[in-house]
């Protein structure tokens, strides 16, 4: 894979493994924001990251919301990278 190449997936096992390999935990925004983007509700929180405004949720809850909002996971699959985005599958 080329450095910083962005991959995408909708597979829960891949997303969860990617996040957990980097110490990430699934979370949801405490209060609805006004961006209109469903992907902004969900977040993967990494160690040392400010959790203010987010509640931790189970991976099961995370993926229910992920599917309900027709999201896909964009990410860089390199060990030291924590870059990801949740976007609509139609984008």
PDB file of N, CA and C in Angstrom:
ATOM      1  N   UNK A   1       0.836  -1.181   0.000  1.00  0.00           N
ATOM      2  CA  UNK A   1       0.000   0.000   0.000  1.00  0.00           C
ATOM      3  C   UNK A   1       0.884   1.248   0.000  1.00  0.00           C
ATOM      4  N   UNK A   2       0.492   2.243  -0.748  1.00  0.00           N
ATOM      5  CA  UNK A   2       1.227   3.493  -0.795  1.00  0.00           C
ATOM      6  C   UNK A   2       1.066   4.244   0.516  1.00  0.00           C
ATOM      7  N   UNK A   3       2.081   5.017   0.936  1.00  0.00           N
ATOM      8  CA  UNK A   3       1.954   5.798   2.164  1.00  0.00           C
ATOM      9  C   UNK A   3       0.747   6.738   2.103  1.00  0.00           C
ATOM     10  N   UNK A   4       0.025   6.810   3.218  1.00  0.00           N
ATOM     11  CA  UNK A   4      -1.129   7.702   3.372  1.00  0.00           C
ATOM     12  C   UNK A   4      -2.249   7.433   2.370  1.00  0.00           C
ATOM     13  N   UNK A   5      -2.304   6.231   1.831  1.00  0.00           N
ATOM     14  CA  UNK A   5      -3.401   5.880   0.938  1.00  0.00           C
ATOM     15  C   UNK A   5      -4.665   5.685   1.766  1.00  0.00           C
ATOM     16  N   UNK A   6      -5.755   6.302   1.322  1.00  0.00           N
ATOM     17  CA  UNK A   6      -7.011   6.201   2.046  1.00  0.00           C
ATOM     18  C   UNK A   6      -7.795   5.000   1.537  1.00  0.00           C
ATOM     19  N   UNK A   7      -8.202   4.155   2.490  1.00  0.00           N
ATOM     20  CA  UNK A   7      -9.030   2.986   2.198  1.00  0.00           C
ATOM     21  C   UNK A   7     -10.432   3.256   2.725  1.00  0.00           C
ATOM     22  N   UNK A   8     -11.382   2.414   2.341  1.00  0.00           N
ATOM     23  CA  UNK A   8     -12.723   2.531   2.904  1.00  0.00           C
ATOM     24  C   UNK A   8     -13.307   1.157   3.134  1.00  0.00           C
ATOM     25  N   UNK A   9     -14.233   1.084   4.099  1.00  0.00           N
ATOM     26  CA  UNK A   9     -14.909  -0.164   4.412  1.00  0.00           C
ATOM     27  C   UNK A   9     -16.223   0.125   5.119  1.00  0.00           C
ATOM     28  N   UNK A  10     -17.090  -0.851   5.099  1.00  0.00           N
ATOM     29  CA  UNK A  10     -18.323  -0.820   5.889  1.00  0.00           C
ATOM     30  C   UNK A  10     -18.348  -2.032   6.823  1.00  0.00           C
ATOM     31  N   UNK A  11     -17.279  -2.802   6.874  1.00  0.00           N
ATOM     32  CA  UNK A  11     -17.196  -4.025   7.665  1.00  0.00           C
ATOM     33  C   UNK A  11     -16.884  -3.720   9.133  1.00  0.00           C
ATOM     34  N   UNK A  12     -17.818  -4.015  10.040  1.00  0.00           N
ATOM     35  CA  UNK A  12     -17.606  -3.734  11.457  1.00  0.00           C
ATOM     36  C   UNK A  12     -16.329  -4.339  12.035  1.00  0.00           C
ATOM     37  N   UNK A  13     -15.998  -5.577  11.667  1.00  0.00           N
ATOM     38  CA  UNK A  13     -14.800  -6.219  12.219  1.00  0.00           C
ATOM     39  C   UNK A  13     -13.535  -5.447  11.860  1.00  0.00           C
ATOM     40  N   UNK A  14     -13.468  -4.962  10.635  1.00  0.00           N
ATOM     41  CA  UNK A  14     -12.285  -4.201  10.195  1.00  0.00           C
ATOM     42  C   UNK A  14     -12.208  -2.872  10.942  1.00  0.00           C
ATOM     43  N   UNK A  15     -13.331  -2.182  11.056  1.00  0.00           N
ATOM     44  CA  UNK A  15     -13.362  -0.876  11.723  1.00  0.00           C
ATOM     45  C   UNK A  15     -12.977  -1.024  13.194  1.00  0.00           C
ATOM     46  N   UNK A  16     -13.600  -1.974  13.868  1.00  0.00           N
ATOM     47  CA  UNK A  16     -13.326  -2.187  15.291  1.00  0.00           C
ATOM     48  C   UNK A  16     -11.868  -2.568  15.510  1.00  0.00           C
ATOM     49  N   UNK A  17     -11.343  -3.472  14.698  1.00  0.00           N
ATOM     50  CA  UNK A  17      -9.949  -3.889  14.842  1.00  0.00           C
ATOM     51  C   UNK A  17      -8.997  -2.722  14.605  1.00  0.00           C
ATOM     52  N   UNK A  18      -9.266  -1.919  13.575  1.00  0.00           N
ATOM     53  CA  UNK A  18      -8.433  -0.754  13.274  1.00  0.00           C
ATOM     54  C   UNK A  18      -8.407   0.177  14.485  1.00  0.00           C
ATOM     55  N   UNK A  19      -9.591   0.454  15.040  1.00  0.00           N
ATOM     56  CA  UNK A  19      -9.683   1.366  16.182  1.00  0.00           C
ATOM     57  C   UNK A  19      -8.987   0.795  17.413  1.00  0.00           C
ATOM     58  N   UNK A  20      -9.273  -0.439  17.742  1.00  0.00           N
ATOM     59  CA  UNK A  20      -8.698  -1.038  18.948  1.00  0.00           C
ATOM     60  C   UNK A  20      -7.194  -1.209  18.850  1.00  0.00           C
ATOM     61  N   UNK A  21      -6.670  -1.441  17.657  1.00  0.00           N
ATOM     62  CA  UNK A  21      -5.220  -1.527  17.466  1.00  0.00           C
ATOM     63  C   UNK A  21      -4.537  -0.212  17.844  1.00  0.00           C
ATOM     64  N   UNK A  22      -5.276   0.881  17.814  1.00  0.00           N
ATOM     65  CA  UNK A  22      -4.747   2.212  18.132  1.00  0.00           C
ATOM     66  C   UNK A  22      -5.258   2.713  19.485  1.00  0.00           C
ATOM     67  N   UNK A  23      -5.906   1.831  20.241  1.00  0.00           N
ATOM     68  CA  UNK A  23      -6.425   2.192  21.559  1.00  0.00           C
ATOM     69  C   UNK A  23      -7.745   2.939  21.519  1.00  0.00           C
ATOM     70  N   UNK A  24      -8.436   2.933  20.374  1.00  0.00           N
ATOM     71  CA  UNK A  24      -9.665   3.686  20.207  1.00  0.00           C
ATOM     72  C   UNK A  24     -10.879   3.020  20.828  1.00  0.00           C
ATOM     73  N   UNK A  25     -11.812   3.861  21.253  1.00  0.00           N
ATOM     74  CA  UNK A  25     -13.085   3.417  21.822  1.00  0.00           C
ATOM     75  C   UNK A  25     -14.220   4.127  21.096  1.00  0.00           C
ATOM     76  N   UNK A  26     -15.340   3.446  20.962  1.00  0.00           N
ATOM     77  CA  UNK A  26     -16.489   4.014  20.257  1.00  0.00           C
ATOM     78  C   UNK A  26     -17.228   5.001  21.155  1.00  0.00           C
ATOM     79  N   UNK A  27     -17.683   6.112  20.543  1.00  0.00           N
ATOM     80  CA  UNK A  27     -18.353   7.167  21.298  1.00  0.00           C
ATOM     81  C   UNK A  27     -19.411   7.843  20.432  1.00  0.00           C
ATOM     82  N   UNK A  28     -20.285   8.575  21.121  1.00  0.00           N
ATOM     83  CA  UNK A  28     -21.330   9.334  20.440  1.00  0.00           C
ATOM     84  C   UNK A  28     -21.390  10.727  21.044  1.00  0.00           C
ATOM     85  N   UNK A  29     -21.733  11.683  20.224  1.00  0.00           N
ATOM     86  CA  UNK A  29     -21.881  13.066  20.655  1.00  0.00           C
ATOM     87  C   UNK A  29     -23.004  13.154  21.673  1.00  0.00           C
ATOM     88  N   UNK A  30     -22.764  13.837  22.803  1.00  0.00           N
ATOM     89  CA  UNK A  30     -23.776  13.956  23.857  1.00  0.00           C
ATOM     90  C   UNK A  30     -24.979  14.762  23.386  1.00  0.00           C
ATOM     91  N   UNK A  31     -24.721  15.825  22.670  1.00  0.00           N
ATOM     92  CA  UNK A  31     -25.792  16.705  22.203  1.00  0.00           C
ATOM     93  C   UNK A  31     -25.720  16.801  20.690  1.00  0.00           C
ATOM     94  N   UNK A  32     -26.852  16.679  20.040  1.00  0.00           N
ATOM     95  CA  UNK A  32     -26.905  16.743  18.582  1.00  0.00           C
ATOM     96  C   UNK A  32     -26.318  18.063  18.085  1.00  0.00           C
ATOM     97  N   UNK A  33     -25.485  17.971  17.088  1.00  0.00           N
ATOM     98  CA  UNK A  33     -24.941  19.200  16.505  1.00  0.00           C
ATOM     99  C   UNK A  33     -25.781  19.608  15.304  1.00  0.00           C
ATOM    100  N   UNK A  34     -25.470  20.735  14.734  1.00  0.00           N
ATOM    101  CA  UNK A  34     -26.276  21.286  13.648  1.00  0.00           C
ATOM    102  C   UNK A  34     -25.624  21.147  12.277  1.00  0.00           C
ATOM    103  N   UNK A  35     -24.631  20.258  12.151  1.00  0.00           N
ATOM    104  CA  UNK A  35     -23.953  20.143  10.857  1.00  0.00           C
ATOM    105  C   UNK A  35     -24.801  19.408   9.836  1.00  0.00           C
ATOM    106  N   UNK A  36     -25.732  18.590  10.319  1.00  0.00           N
ATOM    107  CA  UNK A  36     -26.550  17.820   9.396  1.00  0.00           C
ATOM    108  C   UNK A  36     -25.853  16.583   8.879  1.00  0.00           C
ATOM    109  N   UNK A  37     -24.655  16.308   9.353  1.00  0.00           N
ATOM    110  CA  UNK A  37     -23.900  15.138   8.905  1.00  0.00           C
ATOM    111  C   UNK A  37     -23.975  14.046   9.954  1.00  0.00           C
ATOM    112  N   UNK A  38     -24.551  12.919   9.591  1.00  0.00           N
ATOM    113  CA  UNK A  38     -24.705  11.811  10.540  1.00  0.00           C
ATOM    114  C   UNK A  38     -23.356  11.332  11.067  1.00  0.00           C
ATOM    115  N   UNK A  39     -22.338  11.373  10.227  1.00  0.00           N
ATOM    116  CA  UNK A  39     -21.016  10.917  10.633  1.00  0.00           C
ATOM    117  C   UNK A  39     -20.397  11.728  11.743  1.00  0.00           C
ATOM    118  N   UNK A  40     -20.916  12.930  11.989  1.00  0.00           N
ATOM    119  CA  UNK A  40     -20.391  13.763  13.063  1.00  0.00           C
ATOM    120  C   UNK A  40     -20.914  13.322  14.428  1.00  0.00           C
ATOM    121  N   UNK A  41     -21.945  12.476  14.472  1.00  0.00           N
ATOM    122  CA  UNK A  41     -22.492  11.985  15.739  1.00  0.00           C
ATOM    123  C   UNK A  41     -21.574  10.951  16.373  1.00  0.00           C
ATOM    124  N   UNK A  42     -20.969  10.118  15.554  1.00  0.00           N
ATOM    125  CA  UNK A  42     -20.116   9.040  16.030  1.00  0.00           C
ATOM    126  C   UNK A  42     -18.658   9.468  16.007  1.00  0.00           C
ATOM    127  N   UNK A  43     -17.888   8.903  16.929  1.00  0.00           N
ATOM    128  CA  UNK A  43     -16.473   9.235  16.985  1.00  0.00           C
ATOM    129  C   UNK A  43     -15.714   8.054  17.569  1.00  0.00           C
ATOM    130  N   UNK A  44     -14.487   7.914  17.163  1.00  0.00           N
ATOM    131  CA  UNK A  44     -13.572   6.988  17.803  1.00  0.00           C
ATOM    132  C   UNK A  44     -12.630   7.852  18.626  1.00  0.00           C
ATOM    133  N   UNK A  45     -12.643   7.622  19.939  1.00  0.00           N
ATOM    134  CA  UNK A  45     -11.798   8.392  20.846  1.00  0.00           C
ATOM    135  C   UNK A  45     -10.510   7.619  21.105  1.00  0.00           C
ATOM    136  N   UNK A  46      -9.378   8.300  20.937  1.00  0.00           N
ATOM    137  CA  UNK A  46      -8.074   7.690  21.137  1.00  0.00           C
ATOM    138  C   UNK A  46      -7.481   8.143  22.463  1.00  0.00           C
ATOM    139  N   UNK A  47      -6.538   7.383  23.023  1.00  0.00           N
ATOM    140  CA  UNK A  47      -5.922   7.758  24.296  1.00  0.00           C
ATOM    141  C   UNK A  47      -5.373   9.187  24.248  1.00  0.00           C
ATOM    142  N   UNK A  48      -5.655   9.928  25.310  1.00  0.00           N
ATOM    143  CA  UNK A  48      -5.172  11.296  25.409  1.00  0.00           C
ATOM    144  C   UNK A  48      -6.059  12.320  24.731  1.00  0.00           C
ATOM    145  N   UNK A  49      -7.075  11.870  24.005  1.00  0.00           N
ATOM    146  CA  UNK A  49      -7.974  12.775  23.299  1.00  0.00           C
ATOM    147  C   UNK A  49      -9.052  13.281  24.260  1.00  0.00           C
ATOM    148  N   UNK A  50      -9.437  14.534  24.118  1.00  0.00           N
ATOM    149  CA  UNK A  50     -10.471  15.139  24.956  1.00  0.00           C
ATOM    150  C   UNK A  50     -11.805  14.449  24.711  1.00  0.00           C
ATOM    151  N   UNK A  51     -12.397  13.922  25.776  1.00  0.00           N
ATOM    152  CA  UNK A  51     -13.680  13.217  25.660  1.00  0.00           C
ATOM    153  C   UNK A  51     -14.859  14.139  25.954  1.00  0.00           C
ATOM    154  N   UNK A  52     -14.574  15.393  26.184  1.00  0.00           N
ATOM    155  CA  UNK A  52     -15.630  16.344  26.496  1.00  0.00           C
ATOM    156  C   UNK A  52     -16.637  16.405  25.349  1.00  0.00           C
ATOM    157  N   UNK A  53     -17.908  16.261  25.689  1.00  0.00           N
ATOM    158  CA  UNK A  53     -18.948  16.314  24.674  1.00  0.00           C
ATOM    159  C   UNK A  53     -19.323  14.964  24.098  1.00  0.00           C
ATOM    160  N   UNK A  54     -18.619  13.902  24.497  1.00  0.00           N
ATOM    161  CA  UNK A  54     -18.892  12.558  23.984  1.00  0.00           C
ATOM    162  C   UNK A  54     -19.128  11.571  25.115  1.00  0.00           C
ATOM    163  N   UNK A  55     -19.999  10.615  24.864  1.00  0.00           N
ATOM    164  CA  UNK A  55     -20.222   9.487  25.763  1.00  0.00           C
ATOM    165  C   UNK A  55     -19.712   8.226  25.089  1.00  0.00           C
ATOM    166  N   UNK A  56     -19.021   7.385  25.854  1.00  0.00           N
ATOM    167  CA  UNK A  56     -18.601   6.096  25.313  1.00  0.00           C
ATOM    168  C   UNK A  56     -19.831   5.211  25.132  1.00  0.00           C
ATOM    169  N   UNK A  57     -19.847   4.457  24.054  1.00  0.00           N
ATOM    170  CA  UNK A  57     -20.934   3.521  23.779  1.00  0.00           C
ATOM    171  C   UNK A  57     -20.317   2.187  23.371  1.00  0.00           C
ATOM    172  N   UNK A  58     -21.125   1.150  23.353  1.00  0.00           N
ATOM    173  CA  UNK A  58     -20.619  -0.154  22.921  1.00  0.00           C
ATOM    174  C   UNK A  58     -20.390  -0.124  21.408  1.00  0.00           C
ATOM    175  N   UNK A  59     -19.557  -1.049  20.960  1.00  0.00           N
ATOM    176  CA  UNK A  59     -19.358  -1.170  19.514  1.00  0.00           C
ATOM    177  C   UNK A  59     -20.662  -1.573  18.846  1.00  0.00           C
ATOM    178  N   UNK A  60     -21.471  -2.383  19.527  1.00  0.00           N
ATOM    179  CA  UNK A  60     -22.758  -2.780  18.961  1.00  0.00           C
ATOM    180  C   UNK A  60     -23.631  -1.550  18.705  1.00  0.00           C
ATOM    181  N   UNK A  61     -23.712  -0.645  19.687  1.00  0.00           N
ATOM    182  CA  UNK A  61     -24.483   0.591  19.500  1.00  0.00           C
ATOM    183  C   UNK A  61     -23.896   1.428  18.363  1.00  0.00           C
ATOM    184  N   UNK A  62     -22.589   1.529  18.329  1.00  0.00           N
ATOM    185  CA  UNK A  62     -21.893   2.295  17.302  1.00  0.00           C
ATOM    186  C   UNK A  62     -22.304   1.806  15.910  1.00  0.00           C
ATOM    187  N   UNK A  63     -22.278   0.489  15.712  1.00  0.00           N
ATOM    188  CA  UNK A  63     -22.571  -0.050  14.385  1.00  0.00           C
ATOM    189  C   UNK A  63     -24.049  -0.014  14.033  1.00  0.00           C
ATOM    190  N   UNK A  64     -24.921  -0.018  15.018  1.00  0.00           N
ATOM    191  CA  UNK A  64     -26.348   0.176  14.728  1.00  0.00           C
ATOM    192  C   UNK A  64     -26.554   1.569  14.140  1.00  0.00           C
ATOM    193  N   UNK A  65     -25.973   2.575  14.767  1.00  0.00           N
ATOM    194  CA  UNK A  65     -26.087   3.957  14.270  1.00  0.00           C
ATOM    195  C   UNK A  65     -25.376   4.097  12.927  1.00  0.00           C
ATOM    196  N   UNK A  66     -24.230   3.463  12.794  1.00  0.00           N
ATOM    197  CA  UNK A  66     -23.452   3.453  11.555  1.00  0.00           C
ATOM    198  C   UNK A  66     -24.313   2.959  10.392  1.00  0.00           C
ATOM    199  N   UNK A  67     -25.003   1.836  10.607  1.00  0.00           N
ATOM    200  CA  UNK A  67     -25.851   1.265   9.558  1.00  0.00           C
ATOM    201  C   UNK A  67     -27.101   2.107   9.313  1.00  0.00           C
ATOM    202  N   UNK A  68     -27.748   2.569  10.380  1.00  0.00           N
ATOM    203  CA  UNK A  68     -28.967   3.381  10.233  1.00  0.00           C
ATOM    204  C   UNK A  68     -28.716   4.635   9.406  1.00  0.00           C
ATOM    205  N   UNK A  69     -27.481   5.147   9.475  1.00  0.00           N
ATOM    206  CA  UNK A  69     -27.141   6.376   8.769  1.00  0.00           C
ATOM    207  C   UNK A  69     -26.379   6.135   7.477  1.00  0.00           C
ATOM    208  N   UNK A  70     -26.299   4.850   7.068  1.00  0.00           N
ATOM    209  CA  UNK A  70     -25.701   4.495   5.777  1.00  0.00           C
ATOM    210  C   UNK A  70     -24.278   5.063   5.623  1.00  0.00           C
ATOM    211  N   UNK A  71     -23.463   4.835   6.652  1.00  0.00           N
ATOM    212  CA  UNK A  71     -22.108   5.392   6.652  1.00  0.00           C
ATOM    213  C   UNK A  71     -21.081   4.396   6.123  1.00  0.00           C
ATOM    214  N   UNK A  72     -19.957   4.939   5.739  1.00  0.00           N
ATOM    215  CA  UNK A  72     -18.773   4.129   5.451  1.00  0.00           C
ATOM    216  C   UNK A  72     -17.599   4.768   6.169  1.00  0.00           C
ATOM    217  N   UNK A  73     -16.568   3.978   6.367  1.00  0.00           N
ATOM    218  CA  UNK A  73     -15.404   4.356   7.150  1.00  0.00           C
ATOM    219  C   UNK A  73     -14.227   4.558   6.212  1.00  0.00           C
ATOM    220  N   UNK A  74     -13.722   5.781   6.136  1.00  0.00           N
ATOM    221  CA  UNK A  74     -12.508   6.082   5.374  1.00  0.00           C
ATOM    222  C   UNK A  74     -11.351   6.110   6.358  1.00  0.00           C
ATOM    223  N   UNK A  75     -10.213   5.518   6.004  1.00  0.00           N
ATOM    224  CA  UNK A  75      -9.109   5.454   6.950  1.00  0.00           C
ATOM    225  C   UNK A  75      -7.772   5.258   6.249  1.00  0.00           C
ATOM    226  N   UNK A  76      -6.705   5.594   6.972  1.00  0.00           N
ATOM    227  CA  UNK A  76      -5.350   5.281   6.530  1.00  0.00           C
ATOM    228  C   UNK A  76      -4.904   4.081   7.347  1.00  0.00           C
ATOM    229  N   UNK A  77      -4.581   3.004   6.671  1.00  0.00           N
ATOM    230  CA  UNK A  77      -4.238   1.749   7.350  1.00  0.00           C
ATOM    231  C   UNK A  77      -2.731   1.618   7.532  1.00  0.00           C
ATOM    232  N   UNK A  78      -2.182   2.512   8.347  1.00  0.00           N
ATOM    233  CA  UNK A  78      -0.783   2.449   8.746  1.00  0.00           C
ATOM    234  C   UNK A  78      -0.756   2.454  10.261  1.00  0.00           C
ATOM    235  N   UNK A  79       0.166   1.694  10.846  1.00  0.00           N
ATOM    236  CA  UNK A  79       0.189   1.488  12.293  1.00  0.00           C
ATOM    237  C   UNK A  79       0.181   2.775  13.116  1.00  0.00           C
ATOM    238  N   UNK A  80       0.867   3.800  12.656  1.00  0.00           N
ATOM    239  CA  UNK A  80       0.990   5.016  13.457  1.00  0.00           C
ATOM    240  C   UNK A  80      -0.035   6.090  13.084  1.00  0.00           C
ATOM    241  N   UNK A  81      -0.981   5.777  12.217  1.00  0.00           N
ATOM    242  CA  UNK A  81      -1.965   6.769  11.752  1.00  0.00           C
ATOM    243  C   UNK A  81      -3.308   6.550  12.434  1.00  0.00           C
ATOM    244  N   UNK A  82      -3.907   7.662  12.873  1.00  0.00           N
ATOM    245  CA  UNK A  82      -5.232   7.615  13.474  1.00  0.00           C
ATOM    246  C   UNK A  82      -6.241   8.359  12.609  1.00  0.00           C
ATOM    247  N   UNK A  83      -5.908   8.598  11.354  1.00  0.00           N
ATOM    248  CA  UNK A  83      -6.810   9.333  10.472  1.00  0.00           C
ATOM    249  C   UNK A  83      -7.983   8.459  10.050  1.00  0.00           C
ATOM    250  N   UNK A  84      -9.188   8.998  10.231  1.00  0.00           N
ATOM    251  CA  UNK A  84     -10.390   8.352   9.726  1.00  0.00           C
ATOM    252  C   UNK A  84     -11.479   9.401   9.534  1.00  0.00           C
ATOM    253  N   UNK A  85     -12.463   9.066   8.749  1.00  0.00           N
ATOM    254  CA  UNK A  85     -13.668   9.884   8.570  1.00  0.00           C
ATOM    255  C   UNK A  85     -14.840   8.937   8.382  1.00  0.00           C
ATOM    256  N   UNK A  86     -15.989   9.346   8.888  1.00  0.00           N
ATOM    257  CA  UNK A  86     -17.236   8.631   8.653  1.00  0.00           C
ATOM    258  C   UNK A  86     -18.039   9.477   7.682  1.00  0.00           C
ATOM    259  N   UNK A  87     -18.361   8.903   6.544  1.00  0.00           N
ATOM    260  CA  UNK A  87     -19.080   9.652   5.504  1.00  0.00           C
ATOM    261  C   UNK A  87     -20.244   8.814   4.986  1.00  0.00           C
ATOM    262  N   UNK A  88     -21.167   9.473   4.326  1.00  0.00           N
ATOM    263  CA  UNK A  88     -22.290   8.784   3.710  1.00  0.00           C
ATOM    264  C   UNK A  88     -21.770   7.859   2.609  1.00  0.00           C
ATOM    265  N   UNK A  89     -22.334   6.689   2.515  1.00  0.00           N
ATOM    266  CA  UNK A  89     -21.868   5.717   1.501  1.00  0.00           C
ATOM    267  C   UNK A  89     -22.089   6.206   0.085  1.00  0.00           C
ATOM    268  N   UNK A  90     -22.963   7.157  -0.107  1.00  0.00           N
ATOM    269  CA  UNK A  90     -23.243   7.678  -1.439  1.00  0.00           C
ATOM    270  C   UNK A  90     -22.307   8.801  -1.845  1.00  0.00           C
ATOM    271  N   UNK A  91     -21.419   9.233  -0.940  1.00  0.00           N
ATOM    272  CA  UNK A  91     -20.493  10.329  -1.275  1.00  0.00           C
ATOM    273  C   UNK A  91     -19.287   9.804  -2.024  1.00  0.00           C
TER     274      UNK A  91
END
